[in-house]
Amino acid sequence: MKDNLEILIKKCVENDRAAQQKLYQLFAPVLYGLCLKYMKNEDDAKDVFQEAFVIAYQKIYQFKFEGSFEGWLKRIFIYKCIETLKKNRKNLFLLEVYDDPIDESFEEEEMDRSSLSEEQLLEYIQDLPDQYRLVFNLYVFEKLKHKEISQMLNITESTSKSNLNRAKSHLKRRILAAFNSKTA
């Protein structure tokens, strides 16, 4: 597989359309899912997805066959998502300090984890305010540290931590509400 991928990438560098199509088919499901996690709705996710693939094809010659190609692609897609969100909202990363403290007092109730579908969880993540969703995705799915997130988004580490806590709080409320409505 690795040798086939290397050949495919080299053909893409040469603008081989068939190779580009194969590469697209190979990585589209994962990368589209990534866009769905970062963007607010499917239309925005589709737009970013297409634009990021164009960028990937334009920059594919820069891939040095060091590390994971999928990781290299994901980075392009994440940065495109962030760029799009920043462009759409100038003050995306300005977080005011709210008077209400973050409610961390949720009791861990026994819930049937299978009662929440992946689609429902994705919807809850998409419903998060942009700044919370961005930090949540970077921390939870991309496994970045708050220092890396703060540098990437040009925010303080404490703002990154606060946004993550608020995102978790929103998600917990939504999940508990959904669980409670099913058991009522």
C-alpha atoms as a PDB file:
ATOM      1  CA  MET A   1       0.000   0.000   0.000  1.00  0.00           C
ATOM      2  CA  LYS A   2       2.799   2.423   0.923  1.00  0.00           C
ATOM      3  CA  ASP A   3       4.561   1.855  -2.409  1.00  0.00           C
ATOM      4  CA  ASN A   4       1.285   2.291  -4.298  1.00  0.00           C
ATOM      5  CA  LEU A   5       0.582   5.537  -2.428  1.00  0.00           C
ATOM      6  CA  GLU A   6       4.053   6.852  -3.244  1.00  0.00           C
ATOM      7  CA  ILE A   7       3.504   6.108  -6.943  1.00  0.00           C
ATOM      8  CA  LEU A   8       0.079   7.751  -6.778  1.00  0.00           C
ATOM      9  CA  ILE A   9       1.505  10.880  -5.151  1.00  0.00           C
ATOM     10  CA  LYS A  10       4.285  11.130  -7.745  1.00  0.00           C
ATOM     11  CA  LYS A  11       1.716  10.866 -10.530  1.00  0.00           C
ATOM     12  CA  CYS A  12      -0.345  13.597  -8.858  1.00  0.00           C
ATOM     13  CA  VAL A  13       2.749  15.828  -8.852  1.00  0.00           C
ATOM     14  CA  GLU A  14       2.772  15.329 -12.624  1.00  0.00           C
ATOM     15  CA  ASN A  15      -0.928  16.404 -12.764  1.00  0.00           C
ATOM     16  CA  ASP A  16      -2.133  12.928 -13.730  1.00  0.00           C
ATOM     17  CA  ARG A  17      -5.934  13.295 -13.506  1.00  0.00           C
ATOM     18  CA  ALA A  18      -6.563   9.575 -12.974  1.00  0.00           C
ATOM     19  CA  ALA A  19      -4.106   9.550 -10.070  1.00  0.00           C
ATOM     20  CA  GLN A  20      -5.759  12.648  -8.584  1.00  0.00           C
ATOM     21  CA  GLN A  21      -9.135  10.907  -8.806  1.00  0.00           C
ATOM     22  CA  LYS A  22      -7.764   7.805  -7.049  1.00  0.00           C
ATOM     23  CA  LEU A  23      -6.195   9.929  -4.332  1.00  0.00           C
ATOM     24  CA  TYR A  24      -9.491  11.749  -3.905  1.00  0.00           C
ATOM     25  CA  GLN A  25     -11.410   8.478  -3.592  1.00  0.00           C
ATOM     26  CA  LEU A  26      -8.890   7.123  -1.111  1.00  0.00           C
ATOM     27  CA  PHE A  27      -8.944  10.068   1.302  1.00  0.00           C
ATOM     28  CA  ALA A  28     -12.273  11.843   0.663  1.00  0.00           C
ATOM     29  CA  PRO A  29     -14.320  10.057   3.372  1.00  0.00           C
ATOM     30  CA  VAL A  30     -11.858  10.856   6.166  1.00  0.00           C
ATOM     31  CA  LEU A  31     -11.230  14.427   5.025  1.00  0.00           C
ATOM     32  CA  TYR A  32     -14.894  15.235   4.471  1.00  0.00           C
ATOM     33  CA  GLY A  33     -15.631  13.922   7.966  1.00  0.00           C
ATOM     34  CA  LEU A  34     -12.921  16.217   9.290  1.00  0.00           C
ATOM     35  CA  CYS A  35     -14.518  19.207   7.521  1.00  0.00           C
ATOM     36  CA  LEU A  36     -17.916  18.307   8.989  1.00  0.00           C
ATOM     37  CA  LYS A  37     -16.429  18.395  12.497  1.00  0.00           C
ATOM     38  CA  TYR A  38     -14.998  21.877  12.026  1.00  0.00           C
ATOM     39  CA  MET A  39     -17.653  23.628   9.997  1.00  0.00           C
ATOM     40  CA  LYS A  40     -21.122  24.671  11.127  1.00  0.00           C
ATOM     41  CA  ASN A  41     -23.085  22.900   8.378  1.00  0.00           C
ATOM     42  CA  GLU A  42     -22.759  20.570   5.405  1.00  0.00           C
ATOM     43  CA  ASP A  43     -22.673  23.343   2.795  1.00  0.00           C
ATOM     44  CA  ASP A  44     -19.724  25.040   4.497  1.00  0.00           C
ATOM     45  CA  ALA A  45     -18.011  21.670   4.959  1.00  0.00           C
ATOM     46  CA  LYS A  46     -18.426  20.863   1.258  1.00  0.00           C
ATOM     47  CA  ASP A  47     -17.010  24.244   0.221  1.00  0.00           C
ATOM     48  CA  VAL A  48     -13.965  23.905   2.469  1.00  0.00           C
ATOM     49  CA  PHE A  49     -13.515  20.282   1.417  1.00  0.00           C
ATOM     50  CA  GLN A  50     -13.335  21.218  -2.281  1.00  0.00           C
ATOM     51  CA  GLU A  51     -11.079  24.223  -1.697  1.00  0.00           C
ATOM     52  CA  ALA A  52      -8.707  22.234   0.512  1.00  0.00           C
ATOM     53  CA  PHE A  53      -8.395  19.467  -2.074  1.00  0.00           C
ATOM     54  CA  VAL A  54      -7.427  22.044  -4.692  1.00  0.00           C
ATOM     55  CA  ILE A  55      -4.774  23.391  -2.314  1.00  0.00           C
ATOM     56  CA  ALA A  56      -3.540  19.855  -1.609  1.00  0.00           C
ATOM     57  CA  TYR A  57      -3.160  19.133  -5.325  1.00  0.00           C
ATOM     58  CA  GLN A  58      -1.347  22.452  -5.839  1.00  0.00           C
ATOM     59  CA  LYS A  59       1.051  21.763  -2.965  1.00  0.00           C
ATOM     60  CA  ILE A  60       1.481  18.014  -3.327  1.00  0.00           C
ATOM     61  CA  TYR A  61       4.966  18.524  -4.762  1.00  0.00           C
ATOM     62  CA  GLN A  62       5.947  19.818  -1.282  1.00  0.00           C
ATOM     63  CA  PHE A  63       5.279  16.460   0.375  1.00  0.00           C
ATOM     64  CA  LYS A  64       8.708  14.981   1.149  1.00  0.00           C
ATOM     65  CA  PHE A  65       7.600  11.393   1.909  1.00  0.00           C
ATOM     66  CA  GLU A  66       8.527  11.917   5.554  1.00  0.00           C
ATOM     67  CA  GLY A  67       5.759  11.039   7.956  1.00  0.00           C
ATOM     68  CA  SER A  68       2.168  10.263   7.154  1.00  0.00           C
ATOM     69  CA  PHE A  69       0.675  11.549   3.911  1.00  0.00           C
ATOM     70  CA  GLU A  70      -2.768  11.434   5.511  1.00  0.00           C
ATOM     71  CA  GLY A  71      -1.461  13.596   8.355  1.00  0.00           C
ATOM     72  CA  TRP A  72      -0.030  16.036   5.818  1.00  0.00           C
ATOM     73  CA  LEU A  73      -3.405  16.213   4.067  1.00  0.00           C
ATOM     74  CA  LYS A  74      -5.305  16.650   7.343  1.00  0.00           C
ATOM     75  CA  ARG A  75      -3.111  19.602   8.266  1.00  0.00           C
ATOM     76  CA  ILE A  76      -4.013  21.341   4.995  1.00  0.00           C
ATOM     77  CA  PHE A  77      -7.702  20.701   5.609  1.00  0.00           C
ATOM     78  CA  ILE A  78      -7.581  21.885   9.228  1.00  0.00           C
ATOM     79  CA  TYR A  79      -5.803  25.099   8.274  1.00  0.00           C
ATOM     80  CA  LYS A  80      -8.343  25.701   5.495  1.00  0.00           C
ATOM     81  CA  CYS A  81     -11.185  25.218   8.000  1.00  0.00           C
ATOM     82  CA  ILE A  82      -9.557  27.660  10.420  1.00  0.00           C
ATOM     83  CA  GLU A  83      -8.865  30.187   7.652  1.00  0.00           C
ATOM     84  CA  THR A  84     -12.483  29.998   6.482  1.00  0.00           C
ATOM     85  CA  LEU A  85     -13.860  30.417   9.996  1.00  0.00           C
ATOM     86  CA  LYS A  86     -11.564  33.387  10.618  1.00  0.00           C
ATOM     87  CA  LYS A  87     -12.601  34.981   7.348  1.00  0.00           C
ATOM     88  CA  ASN A  88     -16.286  34.498   8.121  1.00  0.00           C
ATOM     89  CA  ARG A  89     -15.981  35.958  11.596  1.00  0.00           C
ATOM     90  CA  LYS A  90     -13.429  38.633  12.313  1.00  0.00           C
ATOM     91  CA  ASN A  91     -13.855  38.323  16.052  1.00  0.00           C
ATOM     92  CA  LEU A  92     -14.026  34.545  16.156  1.00  0.00           C
ATOM     93  CA  PHE A  93     -11.398  34.209  18.838  1.00  0.00           C
ATOM     94  CA  LEU A  94     -12.390  37.066  21.101  1.00  0.00           C
ATOM     95  CA  LEU A  95     -13.893  35.434  24.141  1.00  0.00           C
ATOM     96  CA  GLU A  96     -15.460  37.643  26.733  1.00  0.00           C
ATOM     97  CA  VAL A  97     -15.307  36.555  30.327  1.00  0.00           C
ATOM     98  CA  TYR A  98     -18.818  35.561  31.288  1.00  0.00           C
ATOM     99  CA  ASP A  99     -20.268  36.180  34.711  1.00  0.00           C
ATOM    100  CA  ASP A 100     -21.682  32.678  34.888  1.00  0.00           C
ATOM    101  CA  PRO A 101     -19.090  30.102  35.919  1.00  0.00           C
ATOM    102  CA  ILE A 102     -18.612  26.978  33.870  1.00  0.00           C
ATOM    103  CA  ASP A 103     -20.834  24.270  35.250  1.00  0.00           C
ATOM    104  CA  GLU A 104     -18.559  21.329  35.901  1.00  0.00           C
ATOM    105  CA  SER A 105     -20.946  19.742  38.389  1.00  0.00           C
ATOM    106  CA  PHE A 106     -22.471  17.198  36.038  1.00  0.00           C
ATOM    107  CA  GLU A 107     -22.907  13.919  37.779  1.00  0.00           C
ATOM    108  CA  GLU A 108     -21.786  10.966  35.784  1.00  0.00           C
ATOM    109  CA  GLU A 109     -25.047   9.158  35.230  1.00  0.00           C
ATOM    110  CA  GLU A 110     -25.251   5.665  33.915  1.00  0.00           C
ATOM    111  CA  MET A 111     -26.231   6.037  30.306  1.00  0.00           C
ATOM    112  CA  ASP A 112     -26.422   3.652  27.479  1.00  0.00           C
ATOM    113  CA  ARG A 113     -23.606   5.035  25.342  1.00  0.00           C
ATOM    114  CA  SER A 114     -25.077   3.435  22.243  1.00  0.00           C
ATOM    115  CA  SER A 115     -28.216   5.563  22.614  1.00  0.00           C
ATOM    116  CA  LEU A 116     -26.397   8.495  21.003  1.00  0.00           C
ATOM    117  CA  SER A 117     -25.540   8.005  17.340  1.00  0.00           C
ATOM    118  CA  GLU A 118     -22.386   9.344  15.727  1.00  0.00           C
ATOM    119  CA  GLU A 119     -24.586  11.563  13.564  1.00  0.00           C
ATOM    120  CA  GLN A 120     -26.260  13.043  16.648  1.00  0.00           C
ATOM    121  CA  LEU A 121     -22.900  13.691  18.321  1.00  0.00           C
ATOM    122  CA  LEU A 122     -21.599  15.325  15.137  1.00  0.00           C
ATOM    123  CA  GLU A 123     -24.695  17.535  15.076  1.00  0.00           C
ATOM    124  CA  TYR A 124     -24.053  18.572  18.694  1.00  0.00           C
ATOM    125  CA  ILE A 125     -20.426  19.394  17.857  1.00  0.00           C
ATOM    126  CA  GLN A 126     -21.504  21.401  14.804  1.00  0.00           C
ATOM    127  CA  ASP A 127     -23.951  23.352  16.985  1.00  0.00           C
ATOM    128  CA  LEU A 128     -21.153  24.570  19.251  1.00  0.00           C
ATOM    129  CA  PRO A 129     -20.142  28.214  18.825  1.00  0.00           C
ATOM    130  CA  ASP A 130     -17.277  28.436  16.317  1.00  0.00           C
ATOM    131  CA  GLN A 131     -14.513  29.216  18.799  1.00  0.00           C
ATOM    132  CA  TYR A 132     -15.537  26.351  21.100  1.00  0.00           C
ATOM    133  CA  ARG A 133     -15.896  23.888  18.224  1.00  0.00           C
ATOM    134  CA  LEU A 134     -12.462  24.776  16.851  1.00  0.00           C
ATOM    135  CA  VAL A 135     -10.629  24.313  20.130  1.00  0.00           C
ATOM    136  CA  PHE A 136     -12.637  21.177  20.969  1.00  0.00           C
ATOM    137  CA  ASN A 137     -11.772  19.537  17.637  1.00  0.00           C
ATOM    138  CA  LEU A 138      -8.104  20.489  17.776  1.00  0.00           C
ATOM    139  CA  TYR A 139      -7.754  19.222  21.333  1.00  0.00           C
ATOM    140  CA  VAL A 140      -9.937  16.112  21.218  1.00  0.00           C
ATOM    141  CA  PHE A 141      -9.574  14.852  17.652  1.00  0.00           C
ATOM    142  CA  GLU A 142      -6.186  16.238  16.598  1.00  0.00           C
ATOM    143  CA  LYS A 143      -4.621  15.670  20.052  1.00  0.00           C
ATOM    144  CA  LEU A 144      -2.972  19.109  20.128  1.00  0.00           C
ATOM    145  CA  LYS A 145      -1.867  20.693  23.400  1.00  0.00           C
ATOM    146  CA  HIS A 146      -3.260  24.049  24.519  1.00  0.00           C
ATOM    147  CA  LYS A 147       0.080  25.703  23.756  1.00  0.00           C
ATOM    148  CA  GLU A 148      -0.079  24.483  20.139  1.00  0.00           C
ATOM    149  CA  ILE A 149      -3.725  25.505  19.810  1.00  0.00           C
ATOM    150  CA  SER A 150      -3.023  28.951  21.220  1.00  0.00           C
ATOM    151  CA  GLN A 151      -0.204  29.483  18.721  1.00  0.00           C
ATOM    152  CA  MET A 152      -2.253  28.144  15.817  1.00  0.00           C
ATOM    153  CA  LEU A 153      -5.287  30.303  16.609  1.00  0.00           C
ATOM    154  CA  ASN A 154      -3.391  33.294  18.003  1.00  0.00           C
ATOM    155  CA  ILE A 155      -5.136  33.133  21.379  1.00  0.00           C
ATOM    156  CA  THR A 156      -3.833  32.663  24.904  1.00  0.00           C
ATOM    157  CA  GLU A 157      -3.492  29.223  26.456  1.00  0.00           C
ATOM    158  CA  SER A 158      -6.056  30.187  29.089  1.00  0.00           C
ATOM    159  CA  THR A 159      -8.536  31.135  26.364  1.00  0.00           C
ATOM    160  CA  SER A 160      -7.935  27.761  24.729  1.00  0.00           C
ATOM    161  CA  LYS A 161      -8.574  25.972  28.025  1.00  0.00           C
ATOM    162  CA  SER A 162     -11.673  28.061  28.698  1.00  0.00           C
ATOM    163  CA  ASN A 163     -13.066  27.398  25.222  1.00  0.00           C
ATOM    164  CA  LEU A 164     -12.480  23.662  25.657  1.00  0.00           C
ATOM    165  CA  ASN A 165     -14.225  23.631  29.046  1.00  0.00           C
ATOM    166  CA  ARG A 166     -17.168  25.580  27.683  1.00  0.00           C
ATOM    167  CA  ALA A 167     -17.425  23.239  24.674  1.00  0.00           C
ATOM    168  CA  LYS A 168     -17.450  20.208  26.971  1.00  0.00           C
ATOM    169  CA  SER A 169     -20.059  21.848  29.170  1.00  0.00           C
ATOM    170  CA  HIS A 170     -22.327  22.568  26.174  1.00  0.00           C
ATOM    171  CA  LEU A 171     -21.915  19.019  24.882  1.00  0.00           C
ATOM    172  CA  LYS A 172     -22.611  17.459  28.284  1.00  0.00           C
ATOM    173  CA  ARG A 173     -25.814  19.462  28.611  1.00  0.00           C
ATOM    174  CA  ARG A 174     -26.990  18.424  25.142  1.00  0.00           C
ATOM    175  CA  ILE A 175     -26.118  14.767  25.667  1.00  0.00           C
ATOM    176  CA  LEU A 176     -27.770  14.638  29.093  1.00  0.00           C
ATOM    177  CA  ALA A 177     -30.854  16.396  27.743  1.00  0.00           C
ATOM    178  CA  ALA A 178     -31.082  13.876  24.906  1.00  0.00           C
ATOM    179  CA  PHE A 179     -30.568  10.977  27.275  1.00  0.00           C
ATOM    180  CA  ASN A 180     -33.143  12.303  29.748  1.00  0.00           C
ATOM    181  CA  SER A 181     -35.725  12.825  27.007  1.00  0.00           C
ATOM    182  CA  LYS A 182     -35.277   9.213  25.871  1.00  0.00           C
ATOM    183  CA  THR A 183     -35.697   7.841  29.379  1.00  0.00           C
ATOM    184  CA  ALA A 184     -38.633  10.050  30.286  1.00  0.00           C
END
